[in-house]
Amino acid sequence: MPQYENPWTIPNMLSMTRIGLAPVLGYLIIEEDFNVALGVFALAGLTDLLDGFIARNWASQKSALGSALDPLADKILISILYISLTYADLIPVPLTYMIISRDVMLIAAVFYVRYQTLPTPRTLSKYFNPCYATARLKPTFISKVNTAVQLILVAASLAAPVFNYADSIYLQILWCCTAFTTAASAYSYYHYGRKTVQVIKGR
C-alpha cells in the first residue's frame, strides 16, 4: 500500500501559489507591463526559496507530493514565462521550443511513474489522490543548475525593456548557456532514469 500523507503543508501551498502567479505573469508580459511583472516574478521566486527552505528544515513539512509539486510549479511558471517572453520578442522561438519540449517529456514521465508505482487495483480516484504517496522524485544536479539558469534568463529578459538593454550581447550569451543546460538536463534524466525515482513502501 502507498504511504498516506497530509498534502496541506506550507511548502505545497507555496508551490500552488507559484502556479497561480504564472498566468498573472504571462498576462503582464503580454500587456508589456514589465515593471509590475518584475515585482510579481520576485514574489514567485520568494515562494520558491521559502518552500525549499521550509521542507529542508522541518521534517513535518516534507512530503513526497512536494517533491513532485515543487518542480511541477517551476515548469509551469517557466513555460508560461518563456512563451509570453517569446511573444514579446524578448526570447527566441527555438529556445522556448526546446525548453517546453523538455518539460512536456518530463511531466509525461512523472505521470507514467505515478501509474507504475500505484498499487493495484489502479483507479482514477486513487491516481489523483494527493494524499497517497507512491514515489519521491530526486532532481539531478544539472537539472537544478538548469532551472537556476532559466530563471536568471527570465529575470534578465524582464528587466531588459525596463533598463533598455534588449539588444545586449550578454543576453544572447545567456540564451546559449540556457540552451546548453537544458539539453544537458534532458540527457541527465535520460541517462540516470530510475535513479531519480525513489519508490515509497507503505507503512
Foldseek 3Di string as FASTA:
>chain_A
DFAFADCPALLNVLLVVLLVLQVVLLVCLLVPVLVVSLVSLVVNVVSLVVSVVCVVPDVNRPDLLSLVSSVVSLLSNLLSLVVSLVVVVLAPPVLSVLSNVLVVVVVVVVLVVLVVQDDPPDDPCSSPPSRGRFKHFAADPLVVVLSVLSSVLSSCSSCCVVVPCSVPPVSVVSSVVNSVSSVVRSVVCVVCPVVRMGTGDYD
